[in-house]
Amino acid sequence: GVFIALVVTVGSQFTSNHHLNETGGYALVGIV
């Protein structure tokens, strides 16, 4: 549940025009 919440948070914070930006990609790698 913590993992899913972090992924959703990063996805909503670092998305523009339905694309994840570079910082968000790094954040997702860190979350995994």
Full PDB file with SEQRES, HELIX, SHEET, SSBOND, CRYST1, ORIGX, SCALE, CONECT and MASTER records, all heavy atoms in Angstrom:
SEQRES   1 A   32  GLY VAL PHE ILE ALA LEU VAL VAL THR VAL GLY SER GLN          
SEQRES   2 A   32  PHE THR SER ASN HIS HIS LEU ASN GLU THR GLY GLY TYR          
SEQRES   3 A   32  ALA LEU VAL GLY ILE VAL                                      
HELIX    1 AA1 VAL A    2  GLN A   13  1                                  12    
HELIX    2 AA2 GLU A   22  ILE A   31  1                                  10    
SHEET    1 AA1 2 THR A  15  SER A  16  0                                        
SHEET    2 AA1 2 HIS A  19  LEU A  20 -1                                        
CRYST1    1.000    1.000    1.000  90.00  90.00  90.00 P 1           1          
ORIGX1      1.000000  0.000000  0.000000        0.00000                         
ORIGX2      0.000000  1.000000  0.000000        0.00000                         
ORIGX3      0.000000  0.000000  1.000000        0.00000                         
SCALE1      1.000000  0.000000  0.000000        0.00000                         
SCALE2      0.000000  1.000000  0.000000        0.00000                         
SCALE3      0.000000  0.000000  1.000000        0.00000                         
ATOM      1  N   GLY A   1       0.817  -1.213   0.000  1.00  0.00           N  
ATOM      2  CA  GLY A   1       0.000   0.000   0.000  1.00  0.00           C  
ATOM      3  C   GLY A   1       0.850   1.262   0.000  1.00  0.00           C  
ATOM      4  O   GLY A   1       0.535   2.223  -0.711  1.00  0.00           O  
ATOM      5  N   VAL A   2       1.935   1.259   0.764  1.00  0.00           N  
ATOM      6  CA  VAL A   2       2.856   2.405   0.769  1.00  0.00           C  
ATOM      7  C   VAL A   2       3.480   2.571  -0.611  1.00  0.00           C  
ATOM      8  O   VAL A   2       3.585   3.690  -1.132  1.00  0.00           O  
ATOM      9  CB  VAL A   2       3.950   2.225   1.850  1.00  0.00           C  
ATOM     10  CG1 VAL A   2       5.068   3.224   1.679  1.00  0.00           C  
ATOM     11  CG2 VAL A   2       3.338   2.331   3.232  1.00  0.00           C  
ATOM     12  N   PHE A   3       3.871   1.474  -1.249  1.00  0.00           N  
ATOM     13  CA  PHE A   3       4.450   1.525  -2.590  1.00  0.00           C  
ATOM     14  C   PHE A   3       3.465   2.134  -3.582  1.00  0.00           C  
ATOM     15  O   PHE A   3       3.820   3.022  -4.357  1.00  0.00           O  
ATOM     16  CB  PHE A   3       4.856   0.113  -3.034  1.00  0.00           C  
ATOM     17  CG  PHE A   3       5.284   0.021  -4.461  1.00  0.00           C  
ATOM     18  CD1 PHE A   3       6.492   0.549  -4.871  1.00  0.00           C  
ATOM     19  CD2 PHE A   3       4.484  -0.596  -5.399  1.00  0.00           C  
ATOM     20  CE1 PHE A   3       6.898   0.461  -6.194  1.00  0.00           C  
ATOM     21  CE2 PHE A   3       4.872  -0.690  -6.709  1.00  0.00           C  
ATOM     22  CZ  PHE A   3       6.085  -0.165  -7.117  1.00  0.00           C  
ATOM     23  N   ILE A   4       2.239   1.662  -3.562  1.00  0.00           N  
ATOM     24  CA  ILE A   4       1.228   2.172  -4.494  1.00  0.00           C  
ATOM     25  C   ILE A   4       0.963   3.651  -4.241  1.00  0.00           C  
ATOM     26  O   ILE A   4       0.848   4.443  -5.186  1.00  0.00           O  
ATOM     27  CB  ILE A   4      -0.065   1.341  -4.388  1.00  0.00           C  
ATOM     28  CG1 ILE A   4       0.196  -0.060  -4.947  1.00  0.00           C  
ATOM     29  CG2 ILE A   4      -1.224   2.010  -5.126  1.00  0.00           C  
ATOM     30  CD1 ILE A   4      -0.926  -1.043  -4.708  1.00  0.00           C  
ATOM     31  N   ALA A   5       0.875   4.053  -2.984  1.00  0.00           N  
ATOM     32  CA  ALA A   5       0.643   5.458  -2.657  1.00  0.00           C  
ATOM     33  C   ALA A   5       1.787   6.337  -3.158  1.00  0.00           C  
ATOM     34  O   ALA A   5       1.554   7.433  -3.707  1.00  0.00           O  
ATOM     35  CB  ALA A   5       0.468   5.630  -1.154  1.00  0.00           C  
ATOM     36  N   LEU A   6       3.028   5.878  -3.015  1.00  0.00           N  
ATOM     37  CA  LEU A   6       4.174   6.646  -3.507  1.00  0.00           C  
ATOM     38  C   LEU A   6       4.169   6.755  -5.020  1.00  0.00           C  
ATOM     39  O   LEU A   6       4.458   7.817  -5.581  1.00  0.00           O  
ATOM     40  CB  LEU A   6       5.484   6.019  -3.020  1.00  0.00           C  
ATOM     41  CG  LEU A   6       5.814   6.198  -1.549  1.00  0.00           C  
ATOM     42  CD1 LEU A   6       7.045   5.370  -1.181  1.00  0.00           C  
ATOM     43  CD2 LEU A   6       6.045   7.661  -1.228  1.00  0.00           C  
ATOM     44  N   VAL A   7       3.837   5.673  -5.712  1.00  0.00           N  
ATOM     45  CA  VAL A   7       3.795   5.709  -7.175  1.00  0.00           C  
ATOM     46  C   VAL A   7       2.706   6.665  -7.661  1.00  0.00           C  
ATOM     47  O   VAL A   7       2.928   7.454  -8.582  1.00  0.00           O  
ATOM     48  CB  VAL A   7       3.588   4.287  -7.748  1.00  0.00           C  
ATOM     49  CG1 VAL A   7       3.262   4.333  -9.229  1.00  0.00           C  
ATOM     50  CG2 VAL A   7       4.819   3.435  -7.518  1.00  0.00           C  
ATOM     51  N   VAL A   8       1.554   6.625  -7.043  1.00  0.00           N  
ATOM     52  CA  VAL A   8       0.463   7.532  -7.432  1.00  0.00           C  
ATOM     53  C   VAL A   8       0.853   8.981  -7.160  1.00  0.00           C  
ATOM     54  O   VAL A   8       0.611   9.865  -7.987  1.00  0.00           O  
ATOM     55  CB  VAL A   8      -0.846   7.149  -6.707  1.00  0.00           C  
ATOM     56  CG1 VAL A   8      -1.903   8.221  -6.868  1.00  0.00           C  
ATOM     57  CG2 VAL A   8      -1.352   5.809  -7.212  1.00  0.00           C  
ATOM     58  N   THR A   9       1.488   9.236  -6.022  1.00  0.00           N  
ATOM     59  CA  THR A   9       1.906  10.595  -5.683  1.00  0.00           C  
ATOM     60  C   THR A   9       2.925  11.124  -6.688  1.00  0.00           C  
ATOM     61  O   THR A   9       2.793  12.244  -7.190  1.00  0.00           O  
ATOM     62  CB  THR A   9       2.500  10.632  -4.263  1.00  0.00           C  
ATOM     63  OG1 THR A   9       1.513  10.179  -3.338  1.00  0.00           O  
ATOM     64  CG2 THR A   9       2.939  12.034  -3.895  1.00  0.00           C  
ATOM     65  N   VAL A  10       3.930  10.330  -6.993  1.00  0.00           N  
ATOM     66  CA  VAL A  10       4.946  10.763  -7.967  1.00  0.00           C  
ATOM     67  C   VAL A  10       4.310  10.943  -9.338  1.00  0.00           C  
ATOM     68  O   VAL A  10       4.597  11.908 -10.046  1.00  0.00           O  
ATOM     69  CB  VAL A  10       6.114   9.756  -8.018  1.00  0.00           C  
ATOM     70  CG1 VAL A  10       6.989   9.987  -9.235  1.00  0.00           C  
ATOM     71  CG2 VAL A  10       6.943   9.862  -6.758  1.00  0.00           C  
ATOM     72  N   GLY A  11       3.435  10.032  -9.712  1.00  0.00           N  
ATOM     73  CA  GLY A  11       2.762  10.147 -11.003  1.00  0.00           C  
ATOM     74  C   GLY A  11       1.938  11.407 -11.124  1.00  0.00           C  
ATOM     75  O   GLY A  11       1.894  12.040 -12.187  1.00  0.00           O  
ATOM     76  N   SER A  12       1.304  11.814 -10.060  1.00  0.00           N  
ATOM     77  CA  SER A  12       0.481  13.022 -10.118  1.00  0.00           C  
ATOM     78  C   SER A  12       1.312  14.302 -10.007  1.00  0.00           C  
ATOM     79  O   SER A  12       0.926  15.337 -10.535  1.00  0.00           O  
ATOM     80  CB  SER A  12      -0.585  12.990  -9.024  1.00  0.00           C  
ATOM     81  OG  SER A  12       0.022  13.068  -7.751  1.00  0.00           O  
ATOM     82  N   GLN A  13       2.456  14.243  -9.349  1.00  0.00           N  
ATOM     83  CA  GLN A  13       3.283  15.438  -9.163  1.00  0.00           C  
ATOM     84  C   GLN A  13       4.191  15.729 -10.347  1.00  0.00           C  
ATOM     85  O   GLN A  13       4.501  16.885 -10.612  1.00  0.00           O  
ATOM     86  CB  GLN A  13       4.143  15.290  -7.902  1.00  0.00           C  
ATOM     87  CG  GLN A  13       3.366  15.225  -6.622  1.00  0.00           C  
ATOM     88  CD  GLN A  13       2.664  16.541  -6.323  1.00  0.00           C  
ATOM     89  OE1 GLN A  13       3.206  17.599  -6.555  1.00  0.00           O  
ATOM     90  NE2 GLN A  13       1.439  16.451  -5.834  1.00  0.00           N  
ATOM     91  N   PHE A  14       4.654  14.721 -11.044  1.00  0.00           N  
ATOM     92  CA  PHE A  14       5.658  14.896 -12.080  1.00  0.00           C  
ATOM     93  C   PHE A  14       5.145  14.589 -13.483  1.00  0.00           C  
ATOM     94  O   PHE A  14       5.911  14.244 -14.373  1.00  0.00           O  
ATOM     95  CB  PHE A  14       6.885  14.026 -11.784  1.00  0.00           C  
ATOM     96  CG  PHE A  14       7.600  14.412 -10.530  1.00  0.00           C  
ATOM     97  CD1 PHE A  14       7.446  13.672  -9.365  1.00  0.00           C  
ATOM     98  CD2 PHE A  14       8.418  15.530 -10.502  1.00  0.00           C  
ATOM     99  CE1 PHE A  14       8.106  14.027  -8.210  1.00  0.00           C  
ATOM    100  CE2 PHE A  14       9.080  15.895  -9.345  1.00  0.00           C  
ATOM    101  CZ  PHE A  14       8.921  15.144  -8.198  1.00  0.00           C  
ATOM    102  N   THR A  15       3.847  14.706 -13.710  1.00  0.00           N  
ATOM    103  CA  THR A  15       3.263  14.438 -15.019  1.00  0.00           C  
ATOM    104  C   THR A  15       2.803  15.747 -15.647  1.00  0.00           C  
ATOM    105  O   THR A  15       2.182  16.580 -15.000  1.00  0.00           O  
ATOM    106  CB  THR A  15       2.059  13.491 -14.879  1.00  0.00           C  
ATOM    107  OG1 THR A  15       2.504  12.284 -14.273  1.00  0.00           O  
ATOM    108  CG2 THR A  15       1.449  13.179 -16.221  1.00  0.00           C  
ATOM    109  N   SER A  16       3.166  15.906 -16.913  1.00  0.00           N  
ATOM    110  CA  SER A  16       2.658  17.046 -17.682  1.00  0.00           C  
ATOM    111  C   SER A  16       2.270  16.535 -19.058  1.00  0.00           C  
ATOM    112  O   SER A  16       3.013  15.801 -19.704  1.00  0.00           O  
ATOM    113  CB  SER A  16       3.714  18.143 -17.787  1.00  0.00           C  
ATOM    114  OG  SER A  16       4.863  17.661 -18.428  1.00  0.00           O  
ATOM    115  N   ASN A  17       1.088  16.895 -19.502  1.00  0.00           N  
ATOM    116  CA  ASN A  17       0.546  16.439 -20.785  1.00  0.00           C  
ATOM    117  C   ASN A  17       0.565  14.917 -20.901  1.00  0.00           C  
ATOM    118  O   ASN A  17       0.915  14.364 -21.936  1.00  0.00           O  
ATOM    119  CB  ASN A  17       1.316  17.066 -21.962  1.00  0.00           C  
ATOM    120  CG  ASN A  17       1.152  18.568 -21.999  1.00  0.00           C  
ATOM    121  OD1 ASN A  17       0.137  19.088 -21.547  1.00  0.00           O  
ATOM    122  ND2 ASN A  17       2.137  19.255 -22.518  1.00  0.00           N  
ATOM    123  N   HIS A  18       0.203  14.254 -19.842  1.00  0.00           N  
ATOM    124  CA  HIS A  18       0.117  12.793 -19.763  1.00  0.00           C  
ATOM    125  C   HIS A  18       1.454  12.094 -19.980  1.00  0.00           C  
ATOM    126  O   HIS A  18       1.502  10.946 -20.416  1.00  0.00           O  
ATOM    127  CB  HIS A  18      -0.923  12.262 -20.746  1.00  0.00           C  
ATOM    128  CG  HIS A  18      -2.291  12.826 -20.529  1.00  0.00           C  
ATOM    129  ND1 HIS A  18      -3.046  12.511 -19.422  1.00  0.00           N  
ATOM    130  CD2 HIS A  18      -3.036  13.701 -21.248  1.00  0.00           C  
ATOM    131  CE1 HIS A  18      -4.193  13.150 -19.485  1.00  0.00           C  
ATOM    132  NE2 HIS A  18      -4.210  13.882 -20.583  1.00  0.00           N  
ATOM    133  N   HIS A  19       2.564  12.792 -19.735  1.00  0.00           N  
ATOM    134  CA  HIS A  19       3.893  12.200 -19.841  1.00  0.00           C  
ATOM    135  C   HIS A  19       4.654  12.475 -18.547  1.00  0.00           C  
ATOM    136  O   HIS A  19       4.611  13.579 -18.013  1.00  0.00           O  
ATOM    137  CB  HIS A  19       4.664  12.791 -21.015  1.00  0.00           C  
ATOM    138  CG  HIS A  19       4.143  12.390 -22.357  1.00  0.00           C  
ATOM    139  ND1 HIS A  19       2.823  12.264 -22.635  1.00  0.00           N  
ATOM    140  CD2 HIS A  19       4.786  12.089 -23.501  1.00  0.00           C  
ATOM    141  CE1 HIS A  19       2.658  11.902 -23.889  1.00  0.00           C  
ATOM    142  NE2 HIS A  19       3.855  11.794 -24.442  1.00  0.00           N  
ATOM    143  N   LEU A  20       5.378  11.494 -18.091  1.00  0.00           N  
ATOM    144  CA  LEU A  20       6.194  11.631 -16.891  1.00  0.00           C  
ATOM    145  C   LEU A  20       7.498  12.319 -17.276  1.00  0.00           C  
ATOM    146  O   LEU A  20       8.162  11.917 -18.229  1.00  0.00           O  
ATOM    147  CB  LEU A  20       6.473  10.242 -16.307  1.00  0.00           C  
ATOM    148  CG  LEU A  20       7.090  10.166 -14.922  1.00  0.00           C  
ATOM    149  CD1 LEU A  20       6.122  10.736 -13.894  1.00  0.00           C  
ATOM    150  CD2 LEU A  20       7.418   8.731 -14.573  1.00  0.00           C  
ATOM    151  N   ASN A  21       7.868  13.376 -16.542  1.00  0.00           N  
ATOM    152  CA  ASN A  21       9.115  14.063 -16.881  1.00  0.00           C  
ATOM    153  C   ASN A  21      10.322  13.320 -16.303  1.00  0.00           C  
ATOM    154  O   ASN A  21      10.190  12.299 -15.638  1.00  0.00           O  
ATOM    155  CB  ASN A  21       9.081  15.533 -16.428  1.00  0.00           C  
ATOM    156  CG  ASN A  21       8.928  15.700 -14.939  1.00  0.00           C  
ATOM    157  OD1 ASN A  21       9.236  14.806 -14.173  1.00  0.00           O  
ATOM    158  ND2 ASN A  21       8.447  16.867 -14.534  1.00  0.00           N  
ATOM    159  N   GLU A  22      11.512  13.817 -16.594  1.00  0.00           N  
ATOM    160  CA  GLU A  22      12.744  13.125 -16.215  1.00  0.00           C  
ATOM    161  C   GLU A  22      12.868  12.958 -14.698  1.00  0.00           C  
ATOM    162  O   GLU A  22      13.243  11.897 -14.213  1.00  0.00           O  
ATOM    163  CB  GLU A  22      13.941  13.896 -16.755  1.00  0.00           C  
ATOM    164  CG  GLU A  22      15.258  13.213 -16.521  1.00  0.00           C  
ATOM    165  CD  GLU A  22      16.420  13.977 -17.141  1.00  0.00           C  
ATOM    166  OE1 GLU A  22      16.195  14.918 -17.902  1.00  0.00           O  
ATOM    167  OE2 GLU A  22      17.554  13.604 -16.828  1.00  0.00           O  
ATOM    168  N   THR A  23      12.549  13.991 -13.963  1.00  0.00           N  
ATOM    169  CA  THR A  23      12.635  13.913 -12.504  1.00  0.00           C  
ATOM    170  C   THR A  23      11.680  12.853 -11.956  1.00  0.00           C  
ATOM    171  O   THR A  23      12.026  12.104 -11.037  1.00  0.00           O  
ATOM    172  CB  THR A  23      12.312  15.288 -11.887  1.00  0.00           C  
ATOM    173  OG1 THR A  23      13.163  16.266 -12.465  1.00  0.00           O  
ATOM    174  CG2 THR A  23      12.496  15.270 -10.389  1.00  0.00           C  
ATOM    175  N   GLY A  24      10.507  12.778 -12.521  1.00  0.00           N  
ATOM    176  CA  GLY A  24       9.552  11.768 -12.102  1.00  0.00           C  
ATOM    177  C   GLY A  24      10.031  10.361 -12.400  1.00  0.00           C  
ATOM    178  O   GLY A  24       9.799   9.438 -11.628  1.00  0.00           O  
ATOM    179  N   GLY A  25      10.720  10.200 -13.529  1.00  0.00           N  
ATOM    180  CA  GLY A  25      11.283   8.893 -13.863  1.00  0.00           C  
ATOM    181  C   GLY A  25      12.325   8.458 -12.852  1.00  0.00           C  
ATOM    182  O   GLY A  25      12.340   7.306 -12.414  1.00  0.00           O  
ATOM    183  N   TYR A  26      13.195   9.396 -12.486  1.00  0.00           N  
ATOM    184  CA  TYR A  26      14.192   9.084 -11.460  1.00  0.00           C  
ATOM    185  C   TYR A  26      13.529   8.768 -10.123  1.00  0.00           C  
ATOM    186  O   TYR A  26      13.968   7.873  -9.392  1.00  0.00           O  
ATOM    187  CB  TYR A  26      15.175  10.237 -11.285  1.00  0.00           C  
ATOM    188  CG  TYR A  26      16.130  10.403 -12.432  1.00  0.00           C  
ATOM    189  CD1 TYR A  26      16.390  11.663 -12.947  1.00  0.00           C  
ATOM    190  CD2 TYR A  26      16.772   9.318 -12.996  1.00  0.00           C  
ATOM    191  CE1 TYR A  26      17.269  11.831 -14.002  1.00  0.00           C  
ATOM    192  CE2 TYR A  26      17.656   9.474 -14.045  1.00  0.00           C  
ATOM    193  CZ  TYR A  26      17.899  10.737 -14.552  1.00  0.00           C  
ATOM    194  OH  TYR A  26      18.764  10.884 -15.587  1.00  0.00           O  
ATOM    195  N   ALA A  27      12.479   9.500  -9.807  1.00  0.00           N  
ATOM    196  CA  ALA A  27      11.759   9.246  -8.559  1.00  0.00           C  
ATOM    197  C   ALA A  27      11.127   7.850  -8.565  1.00  0.00           C  
ATOM    198  O   ALA A  27      11.162   7.149  -7.552  1.00  0.00           O  
ATOM    199  CB  ALA A  27      10.697  10.315  -8.337  1.00  0.00           C  
ATOM    200  N   LEU A  28      10.563   7.448  -9.707  1.00  0.00           N  
ATOM    201  CA  LEU A  28       9.972   6.115  -9.782  1.00  0.00           C  
ATOM    202  C   LEU A  28      11.020   5.015  -9.639  1.00  0.00           C  
ATOM    203  O   LEU A  28      10.785   3.999  -8.984  1.00  0.00           O  
ATOM    204  CB  LEU A  28       9.217   5.934 -11.098  1.00  0.00           C  
ATOM    205  CG  LEU A  28       7.847   6.595 -11.165  1.00  0.00           C  
ATOM    206  CD1 LEU A  28       7.215   6.367 -12.530  1.00  0.00           C  
ATOM    207  CD2 LEU A  28       6.941   6.071 -10.084  1.00  0.00           C  
ATOM    208  N   VAL A  29      12.199   5.217 -10.236  1.00  0.00           N  
ATOM    209  CA  VAL A  29      13.280   4.248 -10.074  1.00  0.00           C  
ATOM    210  C   VAL A  29      13.675   4.153  -8.595  1.00  0.00           C  
ATOM    211  O   VAL A  29      13.887   3.064  -8.061  1.00  0.00           O  
ATOM    212  CB  VAL A  29      14.492   4.614 -10.952  1.00  0.00           C  
ATOM    213  CG1 VAL A  29      15.701   3.772 -10.611  1.00  0.00           C  
ATOM    214  CG2 VAL A  29      14.140   4.449 -12.427  1.00  0.00           C  
ATOM    215  N   GLY A  30      13.755   5.299  -7.929  1.00  0.00           N  
ATOM    216  CA  GLY A  30      14.065   5.310  -6.507  1.00  0.00           C  
ATOM    217  C   GLY A  30      13.007   4.615  -5.675  1.00  0.00           C  
ATOM    218  O   GLY A  30      13.313   3.898  -4.714  1.00  0.00           O  
ATOM    219  N   ILE A  31      11.743   4.794  -6.044  1.00  0.00           N  
ATOM    220  CA  ILE A  31      10.647   4.154  -5.318  1.00  0.00           C  
ATOM    221  C   ILE A  31      10.710   2.637  -5.478  1.00  0.00           C  
ATOM    222  O   ILE A  31      10.509   1.890  -4.515  1.00  0.00           O  
ATOM    223  CB  ILE A  31       9.287   4.707  -5.788  1.00  0.00           C  
ATOM    224  CG1 ILE A  31       9.116   6.138  -5.294  1.00  0.00           C  
ATOM    225  CG2 ILE A  31       8.140   3.831  -5.309  1.00  0.00           C  
ATOM    226  CD1 ILE A  31       7.918   6.837  -5.887  1.00  0.00           C  
ATOM    227  N   VAL A  32      11.007   2.167  -6.682  1.00  0.00           N  
ATOM    228  CA  VAL A  32      11.117   0.719  -6.903  1.00  0.00           C  
ATOM    229  C   VAL A  32      12.274   0.154  -6.079  1.00  0.00           C  
ATOM    230  O   VAL A  32      12.149  -0.900  -5.449  1.00  0.00           O  
ATOM    231  CB  VAL A  32      11.269   0.402  -8.402  1.00  0.00           C  
ATOM    232  CG1 VAL A  32      11.624  -1.057  -8.615  1.00  0.00           C  
ATOM    233  CG2 VAL A  32       9.992   0.745  -9.151  1.00  0.00           C  
TER     234      VAL A  32                                                      
MASTER        0    0    0    2    2    0    0    6  233    1    0    3          
END                                                                             
